[in-house]
Amino acid sequence: MNIIINNSLMVPIYEQITEQVKMLIRNGELKENDILPSVRSLSRELKISALTVKKAYDNLESEGFTVTVHGKGTYVSLANAEILLEEQKKEVEAALEMAVQKGRRYGISDEDIRSLFELILEE
C-alpha cells in the first residue's frame, strides 16, 4: 500500500493516512475484503507511531470503510459502496460549488453558469 506522509502539512498524520486509504478504495486500488497492512508493519514502513496508524484504522472503521477482525487484521468493508458513493458525491458537490463561486467572481450570471453546466452535461 502506497501511503505518503507529508510532515510539512498542517494535517495530522492519522488524517493523511485515513484520507489516502479512502482514496485507494475510491480509485479501486483497494477492493472489498482486501486486507490492510498490520498496524505494526505500516507504522514501521512509514516510520511513525503504531498509535497513529491505529487511530487512522479506527477512523476508517468508524466511517464504515473497514472492518477489523481481532487476531486476523483489518479488511476493506463489504458495506462501503454506499459510503463511497456519498463521499464521491460530496467531492463533486464541492467542485461544483467552487466553480459557481469562481464564475460569480468573474461576473458571470447564474443563468450563464447554468447554461454552461447544461452544455457540459450534454458532452
N, C-alpha and C. Protein backbone atom coordinates (compact mmCIF):
# COMPACT_ATOMS: atom_id res chain seq x y z
N MET A 1 0.85 -1.17 0.00
CA MET A 1 0.00 0.00 0.00
C MET A 1 0.89 1.23 0.00
N ASN A 2 0.62 2.13 -0.92
CA ASN A 2 1.47 3.30 -1.09
C ASN A 2 0.89 4.51 -0.37
N ILE A 3 1.37 4.76 0.84
CA ILE A 3 0.94 5.91 1.65
C ILE A 3 2.13 6.85 1.76
N ILE A 4 1.89 8.14 1.51
CA ILE A 4 2.96 9.12 1.60
C ILE A 4 2.59 10.13 2.67
N ILE A 5 3.45 10.27 3.65
CA ILE A 5 3.23 11.21 4.76
C ILE A 5 3.98 12.50 4.45
N ASN A 6 3.27 13.62 4.57
CA ASN A 6 3.87 14.92 4.35
C ASN A 6 3.90 15.66 5.69
N ASN A 7 5.08 15.73 6.28
CA ASN A 7 5.23 16.36 7.60
C ASN A 7 5.09 17.87 7.56
N SER A 8 5.17 18.46 6.37
CA SER A 8 5.06 19.92 6.29
C SER A 8 3.61 20.39 6.22
N LEU A 9 2.68 19.45 6.04
CA LEU A 9 1.26 19.82 6.04
C LEU A 9 0.80 20.08 7.46
N MET A 10 -0.24 20.87 7.58
CA MET A 10 -0.83 21.14 8.90
C MET A 10 -1.88 20.07 9.23
N VAL A 11 -2.00 19.04 8.39
CA VAL A 11 -2.96 17.96 8.59
C VAL A 11 -2.30 16.87 9.42
N PRO A 12 -2.97 16.42 10.50
CA PRO A 12 -2.38 15.36 11.31
C PRO A 12 -2.09 14.10 10.48
N ILE A 13 -1.06 13.37 10.88
CA ILE A 13 -0.62 12.19 10.13
C ILE A 13 -1.73 11.15 10.04
N TYR A 14 -2.47 10.92 11.14
CA TYR A 14 -3.52 9.91 11.08
C TYR A 14 -4.60 10.29 10.07
N GLU A 15 -4.88 11.60 9.90
CA GLU A 15 -5.85 12.04 8.89
C GLU A 15 -5.31 11.83 7.48
N GLN A 16 -4.00 12.05 7.31
CA GLN A 16 -3.39 11.81 5.99
C GLN A 16 -3.54 10.34 5.61
N ILE A 17 -3.29 9.45 6.57
CA ILE A 17 -3.43 8.01 6.31
C ILE A 17 -4.88 7.68 5.98
N THR A 18 -5.81 8.18 6.80
CA THR A 18 -7.23 7.91 6.60
C THR A 18 -7.66 8.34 5.20
N GLU A 19 -7.32 9.56 4.81
CA GLU A 19 -7.73 10.08 3.51
C GLU A 19 -7.10 9.32 2.35
N GLN A 20 -5.84 8.93 2.50
CA GLN A 20 -5.18 8.20 1.42
C GLN A 20 -5.74 6.79 1.26
N VAL A 21 -6.09 6.14 2.36
CA VAL A 21 -6.71 4.81 2.26
C VAL A 21 -8.08 4.93 1.60
N LYS A 22 -8.85 5.96 1.99
CA LYS A 22 -10.16 6.17 1.36
C LYS A 22 -9.99 6.42 -0.14
N MET A 23 -8.96 7.17 -0.51
CA MET A 23 -8.70 7.43 -1.93
C MET A 23 -8.36 6.13 -2.67
N LEU A 24 -7.57 5.26 -2.03
CA LEU A 24 -7.23 3.97 -2.64
C LEU A 24 -8.49 3.12 -2.84
N ILE A 25 -9.42 3.21 -1.90
CA ILE A 25 -10.68 2.48 -2.02
C ILE A 25 -11.51 3.09 -3.16
N ARG A 26 -11.61 4.42 -3.17
CA ARG A 26 -12.38 5.10 -4.23
C ARG A 26 -11.83 4.80 -5.61
N ASN A 27 -10.51 4.76 -5.74
CA ASN A 27 -9.87 4.51 -7.04
C ASN A 27 -9.90 3.04 -7.44
N GLY A 28 -10.36 2.18 -6.54
CA GLY A 28 -10.42 0.76 -6.86
C GLY A 28 -9.12 0.02 -6.64
N GLU A 29 -8.11 0.71 -6.11
CA GLU A 29 -6.83 0.03 -5.82
C GLU A 29 -6.97 -0.90 -4.62
N LEU A 30 -7.88 -0.55 -3.71
CA LEU A 30 -8.24 -1.45 -2.61
C LEU A 30 -9.70 -1.83 -2.82
N LYS A 31 -9.98 -3.12 -2.79
CA LYS A 31 -11.33 -3.62 -3.04
C LYS A 31 -11.88 -4.31 -1.81
N GLU A 32 -13.19 -4.62 -1.86
CA GLU A 32 -13.83 -5.34 -0.76
C GLU A 32 -13.01 -6.55 -0.37
N ASN A 33 -12.87 -6.75 0.93
CA ASN A 33 -12.16 -7.88 1.53
C ASN A 33 -10.65 -7.83 1.40
N ASP A 34 -10.08 -6.82 0.75
CA ASP A 34 -8.62 -6.68 0.75
C ASP A 34 -8.17 -6.40 2.17
N ILE A 35 -7.06 -6.98 2.54
CA ILE A 35 -6.53 -6.77 3.90
C ILE A 35 -5.54 -5.60 3.87
N LEU A 36 -5.64 -4.76 4.89
CA LEU A 36 -4.69 -3.66 5.04
C LEU A 36 -3.46 -4.18 5.77
N PRO A 37 -2.33 -3.51 5.61
CA PRO A 37 -1.15 -3.92 6.37
C PRO A 37 -1.45 -3.85 7.87
N SER A 38 -0.78 -4.66 8.65
CA SER A 38 -0.98 -4.61 10.09
C SER A 38 -0.55 -3.24 10.60
N VAL A 39 -1.06 -2.86 11.76
CA VAL A 39 -0.71 -1.58 12.37
C VAL A 39 0.80 -1.50 12.54
N ARG A 40 1.39 -2.57 13.05
CA ARG A 40 2.84 -2.55 13.29
C ARG A 40 3.63 -2.43 12.00
N SER A 41 3.23 -3.19 10.97
CA SER A 41 4.03 -3.16 9.74
C SER A 41 3.90 -1.81 9.04
N LEU A 42 2.69 -1.21 9.04
CA LEU A 42 2.55 0.11 8.41
C LEU A 42 3.29 1.17 9.21
N SER A 43 3.27 1.06 10.53
CA SER A 43 4.00 2.05 11.34
C SER A 43 5.50 1.95 11.10
N ARG A 44 6.02 0.72 10.93
CA ARG A 44 7.45 0.54 10.61
C ARG A 44 7.75 1.11 9.24
N GLU A 45 6.88 0.80 8.27
CA GLU A 45 7.10 1.27 6.89
C GLU A 45 7.11 2.79 6.81
N LEU A 46 6.18 3.44 7.54
CA LEU A 46 6.07 4.89 7.49
C LEU A 46 6.95 5.59 8.52
N LYS A 47 7.58 4.79 9.40
CA LYS A 47 8.44 5.33 10.46
C LYS A 47 7.67 6.29 11.36
N ILE A 48 6.48 5.83 11.78
CA ILE A 48 5.65 6.61 12.69
C ILE A 48 5.16 5.71 13.82
N SER A 49 4.51 6.29 14.80
CA SER A 49 3.99 5.53 15.93
C SER A 49 2.86 4.59 15.51
N ALA A 50 2.85 3.41 16.11
CA ALA A 50 1.76 2.46 15.87
C ALA A 50 0.43 3.05 16.33
N LEU A 51 0.45 3.89 17.36
CA LEU A 51 -0.77 4.52 17.84
C LEU A 51 -1.39 5.43 16.79
N THR A 52 -0.55 6.08 15.99
CA THR A 52 -1.04 6.95 14.91
C THR A 52 -1.75 6.12 13.85
N VAL A 53 -1.15 5.00 13.47
CA VAL A 53 -1.77 4.11 12.48
C VAL A 53 -3.07 3.54 13.05
N LYS A 54 -3.05 3.15 14.31
CA LYS A 54 -4.24 2.60 14.97
C LYS A 54 -5.38 3.61 14.94
N LYS A 55 -5.06 4.88 15.19
CA LYS A 55 -6.09 5.93 15.17
C LYS A 55 -6.68 6.07 13.77
N ALA A 56 -5.84 6.02 12.74
CA ALA A 56 -6.32 6.08 11.35
C ALA A 56 -7.22 4.89 11.05
N TYR A 57 -6.80 3.70 11.44
CA TYR A 57 -7.60 2.49 11.20
C TYR A 57 -8.93 2.56 11.96
N ASP A 58 -8.90 3.09 13.18
CA ASP A 58 -10.14 3.24 13.96
C ASP A 58 -11.09 4.21 13.25
N ASN A 59 -10.55 5.30 12.70
CA ASN A 59 -11.38 6.25 11.96
C ASN A 59 -12.00 5.60 10.74
N LEU A 60 -11.20 4.84 9.99
CA LEU A 60 -11.71 4.16 8.80
C LEU A 60 -12.84 3.20 9.17
N GLU A 61 -12.67 2.51 10.28
CA GLU A 61 -13.70 1.57 10.72
C GLU A 61 -14.96 2.31 11.17
N SER A 62 -14.79 3.39 11.91
CA SER A 62 -15.97 4.13 12.39
C SER A 62 -16.75 4.77 11.24
N GLU A 63 -16.05 5.06 10.13
CA GLU A 63 -16.72 5.63 8.96
C GLU A 63 -17.26 4.54 8.03
N GLY A 64 -17.02 3.28 8.38
CA GLY A 64 -17.58 2.18 7.60
C GLY A 64 -16.74 1.72 6.42
N PHE A 65 -15.51 2.20 6.31
CA PHE A 65 -14.67 1.81 5.19
C PHE A 65 -13.95 0.48 5.43
N THR A 66 -13.74 0.14 6.70
CA THR A 66 -13.03 -1.10 7.01
C THR A 66 -13.73 -1.81 8.16
N VAL A 67 -13.34 -3.07 8.33
CA VAL A 67 -13.79 -3.85 9.47
C VAL A 67 -12.57 -4.58 10.01
N THR A 68 -12.43 -4.61 11.34
CA THR A 68 -11.29 -5.27 11.95
C THR A 68 -11.76 -6.57 12.59
N VAL A 69 -11.08 -7.66 12.24
CA VAL A 69 -11.35 -8.96 12.85
C VAL A 69 -10.20 -9.23 13.81
N HIS A 70 -10.52 -9.29 15.10
CA HIS A 70 -9.49 -9.45 16.12
C HIS A 70 -8.62 -10.68 15.82
N GLY A 71 -7.31 -10.46 15.78
CA GLY A 71 -6.37 -11.53 15.53
C GLY A 71 -6.16 -11.86 14.06
N LYS A 72 -6.96 -11.27 13.19
CA LYS A 72 -6.85 -11.56 11.75
C LYS A 72 -6.42 -10.35 10.94
N GLY A 73 -6.87 -9.15 11.33
CA GLY A 73 -6.47 -7.95 10.60
C GLY A 73 -7.62 -7.03 10.26
N THR A 74 -7.30 -6.00 9.50
CA THR A 74 -8.28 -5.00 9.08
C THR A 74 -8.51 -5.16 7.58
N TYR A 75 -9.79 -5.26 7.22
CA TYR A 75 -10.19 -5.52 5.84
C TYR A 75 -11.05 -4.38 5.31
N VAL A 76 -10.99 -4.17 3.99
CA VAL A 76 -11.89 -3.21 3.36
C VAL A 76 -13.30 -3.76 3.51
N SER A 77 -14.21 -2.91 3.93
CA SER A 77 -15.56 -3.31 4.28
C SER A 77 -16.40 -3.73 3.08
N LEU A 78 -17.30 -4.67 3.31
CA LEU A 78 -18.26 -5.09 2.29
C LEU A 78 -19.31 -4.02 2.07
N ALA A 79 -19.60 -3.26 3.09
CA ALA A 79 -20.71 -2.31 3.04
C ALA A 79 -20.26 -0.90 2.70
N ASN A 80 -19.15 -0.76 1.99
CA ASN A 80 -18.66 0.59 1.76
C ASN A 80 -19.14 1.21 0.45
N ALA A 81 -19.91 0.49 -0.36
CA ALA A 81 -20.34 1.02 -1.66
C ALA A 81 -21.17 2.29 -1.51
N GLU A 82 -22.15 2.27 -0.60
CA GLU A 82 -22.98 3.46 -0.40
C GLU A 82 -22.18 4.60 0.20
N ILE A 83 -21.32 4.28 1.14
CA ILE A 83 -20.48 5.31 1.77
C ILE A 83 -19.56 5.91 0.71
N LEU A 84 -19.00 5.06 -0.11
CA LEU A 84 -18.11 5.50 -1.18
C LEU A 84 -18.84 6.44 -2.13
N LEU A 85 -20.05 6.07 -2.54
CA LEU A 85 -20.84 6.91 -3.44
C LEU A 85 -21.12 8.26 -2.79
N GLU A 86 -21.46 8.26 -1.52
CA GLU A 86 -21.75 9.51 -0.81
C GLU A 86 -20.51 10.39 -0.74
N GLU A 87 -19.35 9.79 -0.48
CA GLU A 87 -18.09 10.54 -0.45
C GLU A 87 -17.81 11.17 -1.82
N GLN A 88 -18.03 10.39 -2.87
CA GLN A 88 -17.79 10.90 -4.23
C GLN A 88 -18.74 12.04 -4.56
N LYS A 89 -20.00 11.92 -4.14
CA LYS A 89 -20.97 13.00 -4.37
C LYS A 89 -20.54 14.27 -3.65
N LYS A 90 -20.02 14.12 -2.42
CA LYS A 90 -19.56 15.29 -1.67
C LYS A 90 -18.41 15.97 -2.41
N GLU A 91 -17.50 15.19 -2.99
CA GLU A 91 -16.38 15.75 -3.73
C GLU A 91 -16.85 16.52 -4.95
N VAL A 92 -17.81 15.94 -5.68
CA VAL A 92 -18.34 16.60 -6.88
C VAL A 92 -19.07 17.88 -6.47
N GLU A 93 -19.85 17.81 -5.40
CA GLU A 93 -20.58 18.98 -4.91
C GLU A 93 -19.61 20.11 -4.57
N ALA A 94 -18.52 19.77 -3.90
CA ALA A 94 -17.54 20.79 -3.53
C ALA A 94 -16.90 21.42 -4.78
N ALA A 95 -16.60 20.59 -5.77
CA ALA A 95 -16.01 21.10 -7.01
C ALA A 95 -16.99 22.01 -7.75
N LEU A 96 -18.25 21.61 -7.78
CA LEU A 96 -19.26 22.45 -8.44
C LEU A 96 -19.44 23.78 -7.70
N GLU A 97 -19.43 23.72 -6.39
CA GLU A 97 -19.57 24.94 -5.60
C GLU A 97 -18.42 25.90 -5.88
N MET A 98 -17.21 25.35 -5.97
CA MET A 98 -16.04 26.20 -6.28
C MET A 98 -16.17 26.81 -7.67
N ALA A 99 -16.67 26.03 -8.63
CA ALA A 99 -16.84 26.54 -9.99
C ALA A 99 -17.87 27.66 -10.03
N VAL A 100 -18.97 27.49 -9.31
CA VAL A 100 -20.00 28.53 -9.27
C VAL A 100 -19.44 29.80 -8.63
N GLN A 101 -18.72 29.66 -7.53
CA GLN A 101 -18.12 30.82 -6.87
C GLN A 101 -17.15 31.54 -7.80
N LYS A 102 -16.36 30.77 -8.53
CA LYS A 102 -15.39 31.37 -9.46
C LYS A 102 -16.12 32.12 -10.56
N GLY A 103 -17.18 31.51 -11.10
CA GLY A 103 -17.96 32.18 -12.13
C GLY A 103 -18.55 33.49 -11.63
N ARG A 104 -19.07 33.47 -10.42
CA ARG A 104 -19.64 34.70 -9.85
C ARG A 104 -18.57 35.76 -9.64
N ARG A 105 -17.38 35.33 -9.20
CA ARG A 105 -16.27 36.30 -9.04
C ARG A 105 -15.92 36.96 -10.36
N TYR A 106 -16.04 36.19 -11.46
CA TYR A 106 -15.74 36.73 -12.79
C TYR A 106 -16.90 37.53 -13.36
N GLY A 107 -18.00 37.62 -12.59
CA GLY A 107 -19.13 38.41 -13.05
C GLY A 107 -20.08 37.67 -13.99
N ILE A 108 -19.98 36.36 -14.04
CA ILE A 108 -20.87 35.57 -14.90
C ILE A 108 -22.18 35.37 -14.15
N SER A 109 -23.29 35.61 -14.85
CA SER A 109 -24.60 35.48 -14.21
C SER A 109 -24.91 34.01 -13.90
N ASP A 110 -25.81 33.82 -12.91
CA ASP A 110 -26.22 32.45 -12.56
C ASP A 110 -26.83 31.74 -13.76
N GLU A 111 -27.59 32.49 -14.56
CA GLU A 111 -28.21 31.89 -15.76
C GLU A 111 -27.14 31.39 -16.74
N ASP A 112 -26.09 32.20 -16.94
CA ASP A 112 -24.99 31.77 -17.83
C ASP A 112 -24.24 30.57 -17.25
N ILE A 113 -24.09 30.56 -15.93
CA ILE A 113 -23.43 29.41 -15.28
C ILE A 113 -24.26 28.15 -15.49
N ARG A 114 -25.60 28.28 -15.33
CA ARG A 114 -26.49 27.13 -15.58
C ARG A 114 -26.36 26.66 -17.02
N SER A 115 -26.32 27.59 -17.96
CA SER A 115 -26.19 27.24 -19.38
C SER A 115 -24.89 26.49 -19.64
N LEU A 116 -23.81 26.99 -19.03
CA LEU A 116 -22.51 26.32 -19.19
C LEU A 116 -22.57 24.90 -18.62
N PHE A 117 -23.20 24.77 -17.46
CA PHE A 117 -23.33 23.45 -16.83
C PHE A 117 -24.12 22.51 -17.73
N GLU A 118 -25.22 22.98 -18.30
CA GLU A 118 -26.02 22.14 -19.19
C GLU A 118 -25.24 21.74 -20.44
N LEU A 119 -24.44 22.67 -20.95
CA LEU A 119 -23.61 22.33 -22.11
C LEU A 119 -22.61 21.24 -21.78
N ILE A 120 -22.02 21.36 -20.63
CA ILE A 120 -21.04 20.35 -20.19
C ILE A 120 -21.72 18.99 -20.03
N LEU A 121 -22.92 18.98 -19.46
CA LEU A 121 -23.65 17.72 -19.28
C LEU A 121 -23.97 17.04 -20.61
N GLU A 122 -24.17 17.83 -21.65
CA GLU A 122 -24.52 17.28 -22.95
C GLU A 122 -23.34 16.59 -23.64
N GLU A 123 -22.14 16.93 -23.23
CA GLU A 123 -20.95 16.36 -23.88
C GLU A 123 -20.80 14.89 -23.62
